[in-house]
Amino acid sequence: MNRTRPSSISRRAALGMALAVTGGLTLTGCLAGENAASTDVGGATATELNIDFATYNPLSLVIKDQGWLEADLEDEGVTVNWIQSAGSNKANEALRAGAVDVGSTAGSAALLARSNGSPIKAIDIYSQPEWSALVTTPDSGITSVEDLRGKSVAATKGTDPYFFLLQALESAGIDQSEVTVQNLQHADGWAALNNGSVDAWSGLDPIMASAEQDGAELFFRNIDFNTYGFLNATEDFLTESPELAQTVVNAYEKARAWAKENPEETAQILADVAGIEVELANAVIIERTNLDVDPAPGEAQRAVLEKIGPVFVETGDVSSQEQIDEALASLFDDSFVTNADPDAIQASS
């Protein structure tokens, strides 16, 4: 069903609502005014591109730092608004509210959102990370997942670390009811572990790397329990502004090549945005992030999500397996990656 794209006024309202919900989001760039010149992009009038950046998505940081989208879209009269996502759950909130057109999540979070009715499509795979692990302090006495029985664990529900925790518990034969899960945003989870409010934390880089430097211990790691990094867009945006969506994916593929050629510079960008030491950022980018991955969403991601889908139903995050199956059948759109042309993106002056 065709839906009318929100006006500049309603999009401003959506931006304000998402910023109020997320609390930690940062907006850069001015919104186009009501009388701003518009441009015909993909058959629809578009004056703005609302796109997120996140410390768990290094390609978004590169694109924002280099100013490629602004340089490419300036002549078309499109204003680029960058909004920071504090976690996959916050990116999903912003996508659902219409506050962003394009947002970064883990694959698990994208499947969860789509299964619960959020009209999003995965249009690019930005990384294959090992960004989650179970973390504790040296004096906790916790050395394995089995030690979590009767303990409290901080995790951000709706994100990869949360689903990493659930898979870890399942692998150890521990029912979720045997553990108290404190639903805290990623940074707050580390703070709670650090001050003794919880016994363990299901962490996320780069916060986890910083915690590790401060003495925290990663007592359980399994890269197979991490889902891919998904770049998602709303269906309205893809339908009404496909050329603008293609420009975003072109920029992502340009950033992938740039980051692979310039890992130390990419780490420095991450360090600057995340406020961490460059040595930690190097560990995240070089040791725990695979950018050399097929960017087309497809069978590799489907195989991972098919394993985690039933967990959503068991925990009550999704009401039925049918919803999971329908979401998996409709989540991926590889057409933009297939047609990607990184060289079409102009360099900023």
Protein backbone atom coordinates (compact mmCIF):
# COMPACT_ATOMS: atom_id res chain seq x y z
CA MET A 1 0.00 0.00 0.00
CA ASN A 2 1.41 3.38 -0.96
CA ARG A 3 1.84 5.75 1.94
CA THR A 4 2.42 9.47 1.78
CA ARG A 5 5.88 10.61 2.81
CA PRO A 6 5.68 12.84 5.93
CA SER A 7 5.99 16.58 5.44
CA SER A 8 9.00 18.52 6.71
CA ILE A 9 6.93 19.52 9.73
CA SER A 10 5.95 15.94 10.61
CA ARG A 11 9.51 14.73 10.03
CA ARG A 12 10.73 17.40 12.45
CA ALA A 13 8.19 16.15 14.97
CA ALA A 14 9.41 12.60 14.48
CA LEU A 15 12.99 13.68 14.97
CA GLY A 16 12.08 15.43 18.18
CA MET A 17 10.16 12.42 19.45
CA ALA A 18 13.03 10.03 18.74
CA LEU A 19 15.53 12.32 20.42
CA ALA A 20 13.31 12.47 23.48
CA VAL A 21 12.95 8.69 23.53
CA THR A 22 16.59 7.87 23.04
CA GLY A 23 18.00 10.51 25.34
CA GLY A 24 21.57 10.07 24.13
CA LEU A 25 21.12 10.83 20.47
CA THR A 26 23.04 13.60 18.80
CA LEU A 27 21.80 15.57 15.82
CA THR A 28 24.13 17.42 13.47
CA GLY A 29 23.18 19.53 10.49
CA CYS A 30 20.16 21.81 10.10
CA LEU A 31 16.78 20.56 9.03
CA ALA A 32 15.53 21.92 5.74
CA GLY A 33 13.05 24.72 6.27
CA GLU A 34 9.46 24.59 5.12
CA ASN A 35 10.29 26.75 2.12
CA ALA A 36 13.57 25.02 1.27
CA ALA A 37 14.18 24.11 -2.34
CA SER A 38 13.30 20.49 -3.00
CA THR A 39 14.80 18.03 -5.42
CA ASP A 40 13.19 15.19 -7.32
CA VAL A 41 14.96 12.04 -6.14
CA GLY A 42 13.70 8.69 -7.40
CA GLY A 43 10.32 10.12 -8.37
CA ALA A 44 9.59 11.64 -4.95
CA THR A 45 10.31 15.04 -3.47
CA ALA A 46 13.08 14.78 -0.87
CA THR A 47 14.83 17.62 0.93
CA GLU A 48 16.35 15.63 3.78
CA LEU A 49 18.24 12.45 4.46
CA ASN A 50 17.99 11.37 8.09
CA ILE A 51 20.66 8.76 8.76
CA ASP A 52 22.25 7.38 11.88
CA PHE A 53 25.84 6.90 12.96
CA ALA A 54 26.96 4.56 15.71
CA THR A 55 30.21 3.57 17.35
CA TYR A 56 29.33 -0.06 16.63
CA ASN A 57 29.11 0.77 12.90
CA PRO A 58 32.58 1.96 11.80
CA LEU A 59 31.51 2.58 8.19
CA SER A 60 28.94 5.14 9.36
CA LEU A 61 31.71 6.97 11.23
CA VAL A 62 33.91 7.07 8.13
CA ILE A 63 31.12 8.41 5.92
CA LYS A 64 30.21 11.10 8.43
CA ASP A 65 33.85 12.05 9.03
CA GLN A 66 34.65 12.31 5.33
CA GLY A 67 31.51 14.31 4.48
CA TRP A 68 30.82 12.27 1.36
CA LEU A 69 27.04 12.38 1.54
CA GLU A 70 26.98 16.14 2.10
CA ALA A 71 29.32 16.68 -0.86
CA ASP A 72 27.35 14.37 -3.13
CA LEU A 73 23.88 15.63 -2.24
CA GLU A 74 24.56 19.36 -1.87
CA ASP A 75 23.84 20.15 -5.51
CA GLU A 76 20.55 18.24 -5.28
CA GLY A 77 19.37 20.35 -2.36
CA VAL A 78 19.27 17.45 0.10
CA THR A 79 20.22 18.20 3.71
CA VAL A 80 21.96 15.35 5.56
CA ASN A 81 20.95 15.01 9.21
CA TRP A 82 23.16 12.69 11.28
CA ILE A 83 21.58 11.13 14.39
CA GLN A 84 23.60 8.99 16.81
CA SER A 85 22.24 5.57 17.78
CA ALA A 86 23.27 4.43 21.26
CA GLY A 87 22.33 0.83 20.46
CA SER A 88 20.36 -1.33 18.05
CA ASN A 89 17.24 -0.87 20.15
CA LYS A 90 17.52 2.90 19.81
CA ALA A 91 18.11 2.66 16.06
CA ASN A 92 14.98 0.50 15.79
CA GLU A 93 12.99 3.06 17.78
CA ALA A 94 14.12 5.84 15.47
CA LEU A 95 13.33 3.80 12.35
CA ARG A 96 9.88 2.91 13.62
CA ALA A 97 9.16 6.53 14.58
CA GLY A 98 10.23 7.72 11.12
CA ALA A 99 12.97 9.84 12.70
CA VAL A 100 15.63 8.20 10.54
CA ASP A 101 15.41 6.82 7.02
CA VAL A 102 18.46 4.60 7.47
CA GLY A 103 19.66 3.05 10.72
CA SER A 104 22.34 0.63 11.99
CA THR A 105 21.48 -2.47 13.98
CA ALA A 106 22.67 -5.97 14.64
CA GLY A 107 21.02 -8.63 12.51
CA SER A 108 19.18 -10.03 15.52
CA ALA A 109 17.65 -6.64 16.28
CA ALA A 110 16.58 -6.16 12.66
CA LEU A 111 14.83 -9.53 12.69
CA LEU A 112 13.15 -8.73 16.00
CA ALA A 113 11.88 -5.40 14.69
CA ARG A 114 10.61 -6.83 11.41
CA SER A 115 8.95 -9.75 13.20
CA ASN A 116 7.05 -7.29 15.40
CA GLY A 117 5.77 -5.25 12.47
CA SER A 118 8.42 -2.58 11.89
CA PRO A 119 8.46 -1.93 8.10
CA ILE A 120 12.22 -2.09 7.52
CA LYS A 121 14.50 -3.73 4.99
CA ALA A 122 18.17 -4.68 5.37
CA ILE A 123 19.95 -3.08 2.42
CA ASP A 124 23.63 -3.57 3.26
CA ILE A 125 25.78 -5.67 5.60
CA TYR A 126 28.32 -3.28 7.08
CA SER A 127 30.40 -5.76 9.09
CA GLN A 128 30.79 -9.20 10.61
CA PRO A 129 31.86 -8.28 14.13
CA GLU A 130 32.76 -10.03 17.31
CA TRP A 131 31.26 -7.18 19.27
CA SER A 132 29.59 -9.05 22.12
CA ALA A 133 30.95 -11.13 25.00
CA LEU A 134 30.12 -11.85 28.63
CA VAL A 135 32.08 -9.64 30.99
CA THR A 136 32.76 -9.62 34.72
CA THR A 137 35.25 -8.25 37.25
CA PRO A 138 38.33 -10.17 38.44
CA ASP A 139 36.99 -10.60 41.97
CA SER A 140 33.49 -11.83 41.01
CA GLY A 141 34.35 -15.53 41.14
CA ILE A 142 32.63 -15.97 37.76
CA THR A 143 34.72 -17.91 35.23
CA SER A 144 32.08 -19.63 33.10
CA VAL A 145 28.49 -19.29 31.97
CA GLU A 146 27.51 -21.99 34.48
CA ASP A 147 28.56 -19.61 37.27
CA LEU A 148 25.74 -17.20 36.30
CA ARG A 149 23.05 -19.27 38.03
CA GLY A 150 21.47 -17.08 40.68
CA LYS A 151 23.42 -14.04 39.50
CA SER A 152 22.39 -10.72 37.98
CA VAL A 153 23.50 -9.76 34.47
CA ALA A 154 23.16 -6.39 32.75
CA ALA A 155 22.10 -6.47 29.09
CA THR A 156 20.34 -4.15 26.67
CA LYS A 157 17.18 -5.92 25.53
CA GLY A 158 16.59 -5.88 21.79
CA THR A 159 20.31 -5.85 20.94
CA ASP A 160 22.94 -8.42 20.01
CA PRO A 161 24.49 -8.56 23.52
CA TYR A 162 21.09 -9.51 24.95
CA PHE A 163 20.63 -12.31 22.44
CA PHE A 164 24.26 -13.30 22.92
CA LEU A 165 23.46 -13.77 26.62
CA LEU A 166 20.38 -15.86 25.86
CA GLN A 167 22.33 -18.12 23.52
CA ALA A 168 25.14 -18.46 26.05
CA LEU A 169 22.68 -19.46 28.78
CA GLU A 170 21.00 -21.97 26.48
CA SER A 171 24.35 -23.50 25.52
CA ALA A 172 25.11 -24.04 29.20
CA GLY A 173 21.71 -25.53 29.98
CA ILE A 174 20.66 -22.56 32.12
CA ASP A 175 17.07 -21.38 32.01
CA GLN A 176 16.63 -17.62 31.74
CA SER A 177 14.58 -17.71 34.95
CA GLU A 178 17.73 -18.77 36.81
CA VAL A 179 19.39 -15.43 36.02
CA THR A 180 18.23 -11.90 36.80
CA VAL A 181 18.60 -9.77 33.67
CA GLN A 182 18.88 -6.05 34.35
CA ASN A 183 17.75 -4.15 31.23
CA LEU A 184 20.30 -1.34 30.97
CA GLN A 185 21.70 0.56 28.01
CA HIS A 186 25.21 -0.60 27.07
CA ALA A 187 27.20 2.11 28.87
CA ASP A 188 24.98 1.85 31.93
CA GLY A 189 25.52 -1.92 32.00
CA TRP A 190 29.26 -1.46 32.27
CA ALA A 191 28.77 1.19 34.96
CA ALA A 192 26.54 -1.20 36.92
CA LEU A 193 29.15 -3.95 36.71
CA ASN A 194 31.89 -1.56 37.68
CA ASN A 195 30.05 -0.34 40.79
CA GLY A 196 28.93 -3.81 41.87
CA SER A 197 25.22 -3.43 41.08
CA VAL A 198 25.32 -6.54 38.86
CA ASP A 199 27.55 -9.62 38.75
CA ALA A 200 28.15 -9.67 35.00
CA TRP A 201 27.45 -7.70 31.85
CA SER A 202 26.77 -8.75 28.28
CA GLY A 203 29.03 -6.18 26.69
CA LEU A 204 29.33 -4.34 23.40
CA ASP A 205 32.39 -2.83 21.76
CA PRO A 206 33.87 -0.26 21.91
CA ILE A 207 32.63 0.14 25.51
CA MET A 208 33.68 -3.45 26.18
CA ALA A 209 37.21 -2.81 24.95
CA SER A 210 37.48 0.17 27.30
CA ALA A 211 36.15 -1.95 30.17
CA GLU A 212 38.71 -4.64 29.39
CA GLN A 213 41.50 -2.08 29.63
CA ASP A 214 40.13 -1.05 33.03
CA GLY A 215 40.49 -4.62 34.29
CA ALA A 216 37.22 -6.27 33.28
CA GLU A 217 37.46 -9.88 32.10
CA LEU A 218 35.76 -11.37 29.05
CA PHE A 219 34.92 -14.78 30.49
CA PHE A 220 32.83 -16.10 27.59
CA ARG A 221 33.32 -15.41 23.89
CA ASN A 222 31.76 -17.05 20.83
CA ILE A 223 31.86 -15.23 17.49
CA ASP A 224 29.07 -17.48 16.16
CA PHE A 225 26.68 -15.96 18.71
CA ASN A 226 27.25 -12.49 17.21
CA THR A 227 24.98 -11.56 14.30
CA TYR A 228 26.10 -9.37 11.42
CA GLY A 229 25.89 -5.59 11.27
CA PHE A 230 22.75 -4.66 9.27
CA LEU A 231 22.10 -1.34 7.57
CA ASN A 232 18.33 -0.95 7.52
CA ALA A 233 15.98 1.47 5.79
CA THR A 234 12.27 2.11 6.10
CA GLU A 235 10.11 0.76 3.31
CA ASP A 236 8.65 4.23 2.71
CA PHE A 237 12.12 5.63 2.12
CA LEU A 238 13.08 2.85 -0.29
CA THR A 239 9.82 3.20 -2.23
CA GLU A 240 9.77 6.98 -2.42
CA SER A 241 13.48 7.81 -2.68
CA PRO A 242 15.27 4.83 -4.24
CA GLU A 243 17.98 6.98 -5.85
CA LEU A 244 18.74 8.54 -2.48
CA ALA A 245 18.89 5.07 -0.93
CA GLN A 246 21.28 4.03 -3.68
CA THR A 247 23.50 7.00 -2.86
CA VAL A 248 23.66 5.84 0.77
CA VAL A 249 24.70 2.32 -0.22
CA ASN A 250 27.23 3.72 -2.71
CA ALA A 251 28.74 5.71 0.17
CA TYR A 252 28.82 2.61 2.38
CA GLU A 253 30.71 0.64 -0.23
CA LYS A 254 33.12 3.52 -0.72
CA ALA A 255 33.63 3.59 3.06
CA ARG A 256 34.21 -0.17 3.17
CA ALA A 257 37.05 0.10 0.65
CA TRP A 258 38.48 3.15 2.41
CA ALA A 259 38.35 1.51 5.86
CA LYS A 260 40.01 -1.67 4.59
CA GLU A 261 42.81 0.40 3.07
CA ASN A 262 43.08 2.70 6.09
CA PRO A 263 42.46 0.63 9.25
CA GLU A 264 44.52 2.87 11.51
CA GLU A 265 42.73 6.00 10.31
CA THR A 266 39.42 4.23 10.79
CA ALA A 267 40.44 3.33 14.33
CA GLN A 268 41.38 6.96 15.00
CA ILE A 269 37.94 8.10 13.82
CA LEU A 270 36.33 5.57 16.17
CA ALA A 271 38.56 6.67 19.04
CA ASP A 272 37.59 10.31 18.51
CA VAL A 273 33.85 9.63 18.37
CA ALA A 274 33.77 7.06 21.19
CA GLY A 275 36.18 8.96 23.42
CA ILE A 276 38.51 5.98 23.85
CA GLU A 277 42.23 5.51 23.39
CA VAL A 278 43.33 4.70 19.87
CA GLU A 279 44.90 1.43 21.03
CA LEU A 280 41.46 0.22 22.09
CA ALA A 281 39.93 1.38 18.85
CA ASN A 282 42.61 -0.53 16.96
CA ALA A 283 41.64 -3.70 18.82
CA VAL A 284 37.98 -3.19 17.90
CA ILE A 285 38.60 -2.43 14.23
CA ILE A 286 41.52 -4.71 13.45
CA GLU A 287 40.98 -7.67 15.80
CA ARG A 288 37.19 -7.85 16.29
CA THR A 289 35.64 -6.45 13.12
CA ASN A 290 35.57 -8.10 9.70
CA LEU A 291 34.74 -5.48 7.08
CA ASP A 292 35.79 -7.77 4.22
CA VAL A 293 32.37 -9.39 4.08
CA ASP A 294 29.86 -9.77 1.26
CA PRO A 295 27.70 -6.64 1.67
CA ALA A 296 24.63 -8.19 0.05
CA PRO A 297 22.15 -9.38 2.70
CA GLY A 298 21.31 -12.99 1.97
CA GLU A 299 21.89 -16.62 2.85
CA ALA A 300 24.81 -16.14 5.27
CA GLN A 301 22.72 -13.83 7.41
CA ARG A 302 19.60 -15.96 7.02
CA ALA A 303 21.48 -18.99 8.40
CA VAL A 304 22.47 -17.05 11.53
CA LEU A 305 19.02 -15.59 12.10
CA GLU A 306 17.27 -18.92 11.60
CA LYS A 307 19.13 -20.14 14.69
CA ILE A 308 18.21 -17.20 16.85
CA GLY A 309 14.61 -16.79 15.66
CA PRO A 310 13.18 -19.55 17.87
CA VAL A 311 14.87 -17.94 20.88
CA PHE A 312 12.69 -14.86 20.34
CA VAL A 313 9.58 -17.02 20.56
CA GLU A 314 10.80 -18.90 23.64
CA THR A 315 11.50 -15.65 25.49
CA GLY A 316 8.25 -14.01 24.41
CA ASP A 317 9.97 -11.27 22.39
CA VAL A 318 7.99 -12.47 19.35
CA SER A 319 4.63 -14.21 19.74
CA SER A 320 4.98 -16.90 17.06
CA GLN A 321 7.44 -18.68 14.79
CA GLU A 322 5.20 -17.72 11.87
CA GLN A 323 6.06 -14.08 12.46
CA ILE A 324 9.77 -14.98 12.44
CA ASP A 325 9.41 -16.90 9.19
CA GLU A 326 7.49 -14.08 7.51
CA ALA A 327 10.09 -11.54 8.65
CA LEU A 328 12.97 -13.64 7.35
CA ALA A 329 11.22 -14.01 4.01
CA SER A 330 10.81 -10.25 3.61
CA LEU A 331 13.70 -8.62 5.49
CA PHE A 332 16.47 -8.62 2.86
CA ASP A 333 16.78 -6.31 -0.15
CA ASP A 334 20.08 -6.83 -1.99
CA SER A 335 19.20 -4.70 -5.02
CA PHE A 336 21.04 -1.60 -3.81
CA VAL A 337 24.26 -3.48 -3.08
CA THR A 338 23.98 -5.24 -6.43
CA ASN A 339 23.84 -1.86 -8.17
CA ALA A 340 26.35 -0.12 -5.89
CA ASP A 341 28.88 2.21 -7.50
CA PRO A 342 31.34 3.56 -4.91
CA ASP A 343 33.02 5.72 -7.56
CA ALA A 344 29.76 7.65 -8.00
CA ILE A 345 30.33 9.28 -4.59
CA GLN A 346 32.12 12.60 -4.84
CA ALA A 347 34.97 13.34 -2.49
CA SER A 348 34.39 16.23 -0.11
CA SER A 349 36.35 19.37 -0.82
